Amino acid sequence: MKHIPVLLNEIIATFGYLKKRGGFFVDGTLGAGGHSLAIVKNLPPANYNLQLVGIDQDQVALNIAKENIKKAGLENNFILVHNNFKNIKSILDEINILKIDGALLDLGVSSMQFDQKERGFSFQDPNQPLDMRMDLDNNITATKIVNEYPESEIVRILRQYGEEPLATKIACNIIERRKKKPFTTVGDLLEILAISIPKKFQFGKTHFATKTFQALRVEVNGELAILEQAIRDFTDLLSPNAKLAVISFHSLEDRIVKQTFNKLARPCTCPPALPCICGKTPTVKVLTSKPIISSDSEIRDNPRSRSAKLRVIEKI
């Protein structure tokens, strides 16, 4: 399955220090393994002393990564874990790793998951089931949300996670539709969105279903709820001068990453005009005052990279 990791050169450069350092690296969202394989391959041939813990909640992705790692002959460099990166402390505790020398989080849904239309992430095929689970063991699906959640909760999800201005109207129409017939497919939801969103808003640069699909996906997978604490946990585990890089794909993710990084770098809560008495000291320094974005050439080669933003911190 074709998968193009975004901002690959930038990630390789970010973790170039591992050439001399080695140690343990965590890829909390392994996917097909593209970023991690590139990091290992960038090491000097005689210095493949980097151990990578590859975590993904999608078993299908882990299976693909395992094959790619095997083809590269790097099985000895990888420990694969089927889990969610929010559990990073317990994951590393189970495999007796106390500190890590770098970590990467490539957030959101992967291009592989979009391309597997039966997963229901994409609105390109209306006949596919309305699923959207990254972890197929999860008992919450997008179908469950639209068929069972109260109207007020659907409104909250669309507003909070999709920033959808027509959340109330969409939710109302979802409730009316499910009284007559339950939602089962992507097409069922697209039909409701088509009658809920005025025609003049249906022909913009982005598909009119984008915000609703994003909101449902985020709710199904709990993507934003775990993010700040996960970043803090990863930071706790970093060795001095080790880096954490996070790639986000929409403003809600990027906002949380930026704010959490700034809190870690400037934790003092005292009034600016007064001497610090809270005793809180920085644990990291932010290396990206502005996010790193894809080059024009990368966007031409991989249009899905156009919304990617990379932010990096270094442990003090």
Protein backbone atom coordinates (compact mmCIF):
# COMPACT_ATOMS: atom_id res chain seq x y z
CA MET A 1 0.00 0.00 0.00
CA LYS A 2 1.43 3.34 -1.10
CA HIS A 3 2.09 5.73 1.76
CA ILE A 4 4.07 8.96 1.57
CA PRO A 5 5.22 10.26 4.98
CA VAL A 6 4.87 14.04 5.21
CA LEU A 7 7.72 16.43 6.03
CA LEU A 8 10.13 13.50 5.80
CA ASN A 9 13.29 15.53 5.19
CA GLU A 10 12.42 17.85 8.05
CA ILE A 11 11.90 14.90 10.42
CA ILE A 12 15.22 13.35 9.37
CA ALA A 13 16.97 16.67 10.04
CA THR A 14 15.21 17.09 13.41
CA PHE A 15 16.51 13.77 14.65
CA GLY A 16 19.91 13.91 12.98
CA TYR A 17 21.56 14.03 16.40
CA LEU A 18 20.69 10.34 16.80
CA LYS A 19 23.56 9.52 14.42
CA LYS A 20 25.96 9.97 17.33
CA ARG A 21 23.60 9.31 20.19
CA GLY A 22 21.62 6.17 19.43
CA GLY A 23 19.45 4.97 22.30
CA PHE A 24 15.67 4.58 22.30
CA PHE A 25 13.24 6.37 20.00
CA VAL A 26 9.43 6.25 20.13
CA ASP A 27 7.17 6.66 17.12
CA GLY A 28 3.79 7.00 18.81
CA THR A 29 1.88 6.87 15.53
CA LEU A 30 3.88 4.40 13.48
CA GLY A 31 1.52 4.00 10.52
CA ALA A 32 3.40 2.27 7.70
CA GLY A 33 6.70 3.07 9.40
CA GLY A 34 7.90 5.61 6.84
CA HIS A 35 9.29 8.20 9.25
CA SER A 36 10.95 5.70 11.57
CA LEU A 37 12.51 3.68 8.77
CA ALA A 38 13.97 6.86 7.33
CA ILE A 39 15.43 7.84 10.71
CA VAL A 40 17.15 4.46 11.08
CA LYS A 41 18.39 4.47 7.48
CA ASN A 42 19.91 7.91 8.08
CA LEU A 43 22.24 6.44 10.71
CA PRO A 44 25.82 5.56 9.74
CA PRO A 45 25.87 1.94 8.44
CA ALA A 46 28.13 0.81 11.29
CA ASN A 47 26.03 2.54 13.96
CA TYR A 48 22.56 1.02 13.76
CA ASN A 49 22.35 1.11 17.55
CA LEU A 50 18.97 2.85 17.69
CA GLN A 51 16.01 0.92 19.08
CA LEU A 52 12.61 2.15 17.93
CA VAL A 53 9.36 1.52 19.75
CA GLY A 54 6.64 1.75 17.11
CA ILE A 55 3.17 2.26 18.56
CA ASP A 56 -0.11 2.26 16.67
CA GLN A 57 -3.69 1.60 17.70
CA ASP A 58 -4.47 0.35 14.18
CA GLN A 59 -3.50 -3.31 13.86
CA VAL A 60 -3.83 -3.13 10.07
CA ALA A 61 -1.21 -0.35 10.00
CA LEU A 62 1.08 -2.33 12.30
CA ASN A 63 0.90 -5.33 9.96
CA ILE A 64 1.89 -3.14 7.02
CA ALA A 65 4.71 -1.55 9.02
CA LYS A 66 5.97 -5.00 10.03
CA GLU A 67 6.24 -6.02 6.36
CA ASN A 68 8.02 -2.78 5.42
CA ILE A 69 10.48 -3.18 8.30
CA LYS A 70 11.13 -6.80 7.29
CA LYS A 71 11.80 -5.78 3.68
CA ALA A 72 14.31 -3.22 4.94
CA GLY A 73 16.05 -5.88 7.04
CA LEU A 74 15.64 -3.82 10.21
CA GLU A 75 13.54 -6.13 12.38
CA ASN A 76 16.18 -6.02 15.12
CA ASN A 77 15.76 -2.26 15.45
CA PHE A 78 12.03 -2.27 16.12
CA ILE A 79 9.67 -3.16 18.94
CA LEU A 80 6.08 -2.98 17.67
CA VAL A 81 3.23 -2.28 20.10
CA HIS A 82 -0.51 -2.36 19.44
CA ASN A 83 -1.69 0.39 21.75
CA ASN A 84 -2.54 4.09 21.96
CA PHE A 85 0.29 6.57 22.50
CA LYS A 86 -1.69 8.08 25.37
CA ASN A 87 -0.49 5.06 27.38
CA ILE A 88 3.19 5.78 26.69
CA LYS A 89 4.30 5.54 30.33
CA SER A 90 2.78 2.12 30.91
CA ILE A 91 3.96 0.91 27.48
CA LEU A 92 7.59 1.76 28.23
CA ASP A 93 7.31 0.46 31.77
CA GLU A 94 6.28 -2.95 30.43
CA ILE A 95 9.36 -3.16 28.21
CA ASN A 96 11.70 -1.72 30.86
CA ILE A 97 12.60 1.54 29.14
CA LEU A 98 13.08 4.40 31.59
CA LYS A 99 14.07 7.27 29.28
CA ILE A 100 13.89 7.92 25.55
CA ASP A 101 16.19 9.83 23.22
CA GLY A 102 13.55 11.17 20.88
CA ALA A 103 9.89 10.82 19.93
CA LEU A 104 7.52 11.59 17.08
CA LEU A 105 3.74 11.97 16.95
CA ASP A 106 2.17 12.18 13.50
CA LEU A 107 -1.39 13.01 14.46
CA GLY A 108 -4.74 12.35 12.87
CA VAL A 109 -5.87 9.83 10.31
CA SER A 110 -3.25 8.45 7.93
CA SER A 111 -3.46 8.42 4.15
CA MET A 112 -3.62 4.61 4.34
CA GLN A 113 -6.75 4.81 6.47
CA PHE A 114 -8.31 7.31 4.07
CA ASP A 115 -7.52 5.02 1.15
CA GLN A 116 -9.11 2.02 2.87
CA LYS A 117 -12.58 3.27 2.04
CA GLU A 118 -14.27 0.47 3.98
CA ARG A 119 -12.99 2.16 7.16
CA GLY A 120 -15.42 5.03 6.57
CA PHE A 121 -12.94 7.90 7.00
CA SER A 122 -13.42 9.14 3.44
CA PHE A 123 -16.60 10.55 1.95
CA GLN A 124 -15.54 9.55 -1.57
CA ASP A 125 -17.46 6.26 -1.63
CA PRO A 126 -21.04 6.64 -0.32
CA ASN A 127 -21.60 2.89 -0.17
CA GLN A 128 -19.02 2.25 2.57
CA PRO A 129 -19.94 1.77 6.25
CA LEU A 130 -19.89 4.83 8.48
CA ASP A 131 -17.18 3.61 10.85
CA MET A 132 -14.11 5.88 11.38
CA ARG A 133 -12.36 3.76 14.02
CA MET A 134 -8.56 3.80 14.05
CA ASP A 135 -8.62 0.95 16.57
CA LEU A 136 -11.05 -1.68 15.32
CA ASP A 137 -11.46 -2.94 18.89
CA ASN A 138 -13.09 0.38 19.80
CA ASN A 139 -16.84 -0.04 20.42
CA ILE A 140 -17.68 3.53 19.41
CA THR A 141 -18.24 4.19 15.71
CA ALA A 142 -19.53 7.17 13.76
CA THR A 143 -22.67 5.12 13.12
CA LYS A 144 -23.26 4.77 16.85
CA ILE A 145 -22.88 8.53 17.37
CA VAL A 146 -25.36 9.60 14.70
CA ASN A 147 -27.86 6.86 15.59
CA GLU A 148 -27.71 6.99 19.39
CA TYR A 149 -26.22 10.21 20.77
CA PRO A 150 -28.67 12.90 21.94
CA GLU A 151 -29.06 15.95 19.74
CA SER A 152 -27.23 18.23 22.19
CA GLU A 153 -24.17 15.95 22.14
CA ILE A 154 -24.10 15.86 18.35
CA VAL A 155 -24.24 19.66 18.28
CA ARG A 156 -21.36 19.82 20.77
CA ILE A 157 -19.22 17.41 18.74
CA LEU A 158 -19.79 19.26 15.46
CA ARG A 159 -19.02 22.62 17.05
CA GLN A 160 -16.12 21.60 19.24
CA TYR A 161 -14.29 19.23 16.92
CA GLY A 162 -15.40 20.42 13.49
CA GLU A 163 -15.98 24.12 14.10
CA GLU A 164 -19.13 23.63 12.02
CA PRO A 165 -21.31 26.80 12.05
CA LEU A 166 -24.37 24.80 10.95
CA ALA A 167 -24.04 22.26 13.76
CA THR A 168 -27.55 22.82 15.14
CA LYS A 169 -29.26 22.39 11.79
CA ILE A 170 -27.21 19.32 10.89
CA ALA A 171 -27.88 17.69 14.26
CA CYS A 172 -31.61 18.40 13.99
CA ASN A 173 -31.76 16.78 10.55
CA ILE A 174 -29.76 13.79 11.78
CA ILE A 175 -32.31 13.22 14.56
CA GLU A 176 -35.25 13.50 12.15
CA ARG A 177 -33.64 11.08 9.69
CA ARG A 178 -32.82 8.41 12.27
CA LYS A 179 -36.44 8.37 13.48
CA LYS A 180 -37.38 6.98 10.08
CA LYS A 181 -34.31 4.95 9.18
CA PRO A 182 -30.96 4.41 10.93
CA PHE A 183 -27.68 5.57 9.43
CA THR A 184 -25.48 2.77 8.10
CA THR A 185 -23.37 4.16 5.25
CA VAL A 186 -21.28 7.18 4.37
CA GLY A 187 -23.92 8.05 1.79
CA ASP A 188 -26.63 8.24 4.44
CA LEU A 189 -24.76 11.01 6.21
CA LEU A 190 -23.84 12.79 2.98
CA GLU A 191 -27.53 12.99 2.08
CA ILE A 192 -28.32 14.77 5.36
CA LEU A 193 -25.39 17.15 4.96
CA ALA A 194 -26.48 17.97 1.42
CA ILE A 195 -29.90 19.13 2.64
CA SER A 196 -28.51 20.85 5.75
CA ILE A 197 -25.82 22.96 4.09
CA PRO A 198 -26.93 25.66 1.64
CA LYS A 199 -25.90 25.06 -1.97
CA LYS A 200 -23.76 28.21 -2.02
CA PHE A 201 -21.47 26.63 0.61
CA GLN A 202 -21.16 23.28 -1.16
CA PHE A 203 -18.73 24.32 -3.88
CA GLY A 204 -15.78 25.78 -1.99
CA LYS A 205 -12.16 24.63 -1.87
CA THR A 206 -12.98 21.96 0.70
CA HIS A 207 -15.77 19.40 0.52
CA PHE A 208 -18.91 20.45 2.40
CA ALA A 209 -18.74 17.26 4.50
CA THR A 210 -15.18 17.84 5.71
CA LYS A 211 -15.99 19.52 9.03
CA THR A 212 -18.64 16.98 10.04
CA PHE A 213 -16.48 14.00 9.12
CA GLN A 214 -13.53 15.48 11.01
CA ALA A 215 -15.68 16.08 14.08
CA LEU A 216 -17.06 12.56 14.14
CA ARG A 217 -13.63 11.02 13.60
CA VAL A 218 -12.11 13.03 16.45
CA GLU A 219 -14.94 12.00 18.78
CA VAL A 220 -14.78 8.32 17.81
CA ASN A 221 -11.03 8.14 18.44
CA GLY A 222 -10.75 10.61 21.33
CA GLU A 223 -7.97 12.38 19.44
CA LEU A 224 -7.99 15.79 21.12
CA ALA A 225 -8.99 14.73 24.61
CA ILE A 226 -5.74 12.82 25.12
CA LEU A 227 -3.31 15.15 23.38
CA GLU A 228 -2.11 17.59 26.05
CA GLN A 229 -1.53 14.94 28.70
CA ALA A 230 0.19 12.68 26.18
CA ILE A 231 2.62 15.47 25.24
CA ARG A 232 3.36 16.05 28.92
CA ASP A 233 3.95 12.32 29.47
CA PHE A 234 6.31 12.09 26.49
CA THR A 235 8.18 15.14 27.78
CA ASP A 236 8.61 13.52 31.19
CA LEU A 237 10.25 10.54 29.51
CA LEU A 238 12.72 12.48 27.34
CA SER A 239 16.39 12.41 28.27
CA PRO A 240 18.23 15.76 28.40
CA ASN A 241 18.60 17.34 24.93
CA ALA A 242 16.25 14.78 23.39
CA LYS A 243 13.51 16.10 21.09
CA LEU A 244 9.78 15.59 20.69
CA ALA A 245 8.32 16.39 17.27
CA VAL A 246 4.58 16.62 16.60
CA ILE A 247 2.94 16.83 13.18
CA SER A 248 -0.65 18.09 13.17
CA PHE A 249 -3.12 18.49 10.33
CA HIS A 250 -5.84 20.86 11.50
CA SER A 251 -6.05 23.98 13.62
CA LEU A 252 -7.58 22.25 16.67
CA GLU A 253 -4.63 19.86 16.95
CA ASP A 254 -2.04 22.50 16.24
CA ARG A 255 -3.52 24.86 18.84
CA ILE A 256 -3.24 22.22 21.57
CA VAL A 257 0.32 21.34 20.55
CA LYS A 258 1.40 24.99 20.49
CA GLN A 259 -0.24 25.85 23.81
CA THR A 260 1.12 22.75 25.56
CA PHE A 261 4.64 23.38 24.28
CA ASN A 262 4.44 26.98 25.51
CA LYS A 263 3.18 25.90 28.94
CA LEU A 264 6.12 23.52 29.30
CA ALA A 265 8.59 26.17 28.14
CA ARG A 266 7.08 28.97 30.25
CA PRO A 267 5.38 27.34 33.24
CA CYS A 268 5.62 30.29 35.65
CA THR A 269 2.16 31.43 36.78
CA CYS A 270 3.29 34.54 38.69
CA PRO A 271 2.20 38.02 37.52
CA PRO A 272 4.69 39.27 34.91
CA ALA A 273 5.56 42.40 36.89
CA LEU A 274 6.47 40.46 40.06
CA PRO A 275 9.40 38.17 40.92
CA CYS A 276 8.68 34.47 40.46
CA ILE A 277 7.60 32.76 43.66
CA CYS A 278 5.78 29.75 42.17
CA GLY A 279 9.03 27.83 41.70
CA LYS A 280 7.97 26.38 38.35
CA THR A 281 10.89 26.11 35.92
CA PRO A 282 10.92 25.29 32.21
CA THR A 283 11.35 21.65 31.25
CA VAL A 284 11.77 22.22 27.51
CA LYS A 285 12.72 24.84 24.99
CA VAL A 286 10.60 25.38 21.89
CA LEU A 287 12.65 25.02 18.70
CA THR A 288 9.89 26.14 16.32
CA SER A 289 8.55 29.63 17.00
CA LYS A 290 6.36 29.05 13.95
CA PRO A 291 5.36 25.62 12.65
CA ILE A 292 7.35 24.07 9.84
CA ILE A 293 5.15 23.48 6.80
CA SER A 294 5.55 21.51 3.58
CA SER A 295 7.43 22.99 0.66
CA ASP A 296 5.67 23.76 -2.60
CA SER A 297 7.38 20.79 -4.24
CA GLU A 298 6.21 18.41 -1.52
CA ILE A 299 2.65 19.67 -1.83
CA ARG A 300 2.80 19.10 -5.60
CA ASP A 301 4.02 15.53 -5.06
CA ASN A 302 1.71 14.84 -2.12
CA PRO A 303 -1.31 17.17 -1.90
CA ARG A 304 -2.29 15.70 1.47
CA SER A 305 0.80 17.34 2.98
CA ARG A 306 -0.56 20.85 2.41
CA SER A 307 -2.12 21.10 5.88
CA ALA A 308 0.75 19.48 7.82
CA LYS A 309 2.43 21.52 10.56
CA LEU A 310 5.52 20.40 12.48
CA ARG A 311 6.44 21.71 15.92
CA VAL A 312 9.47 20.58 17.93
CA ILE A 313 10.64 20.90 21.54
CA GLU A 314 13.91 19.90 23.19
CA LYS A 315 14.20 18.66 26.76
CA ILE A 316 16.30 20.89 28.99
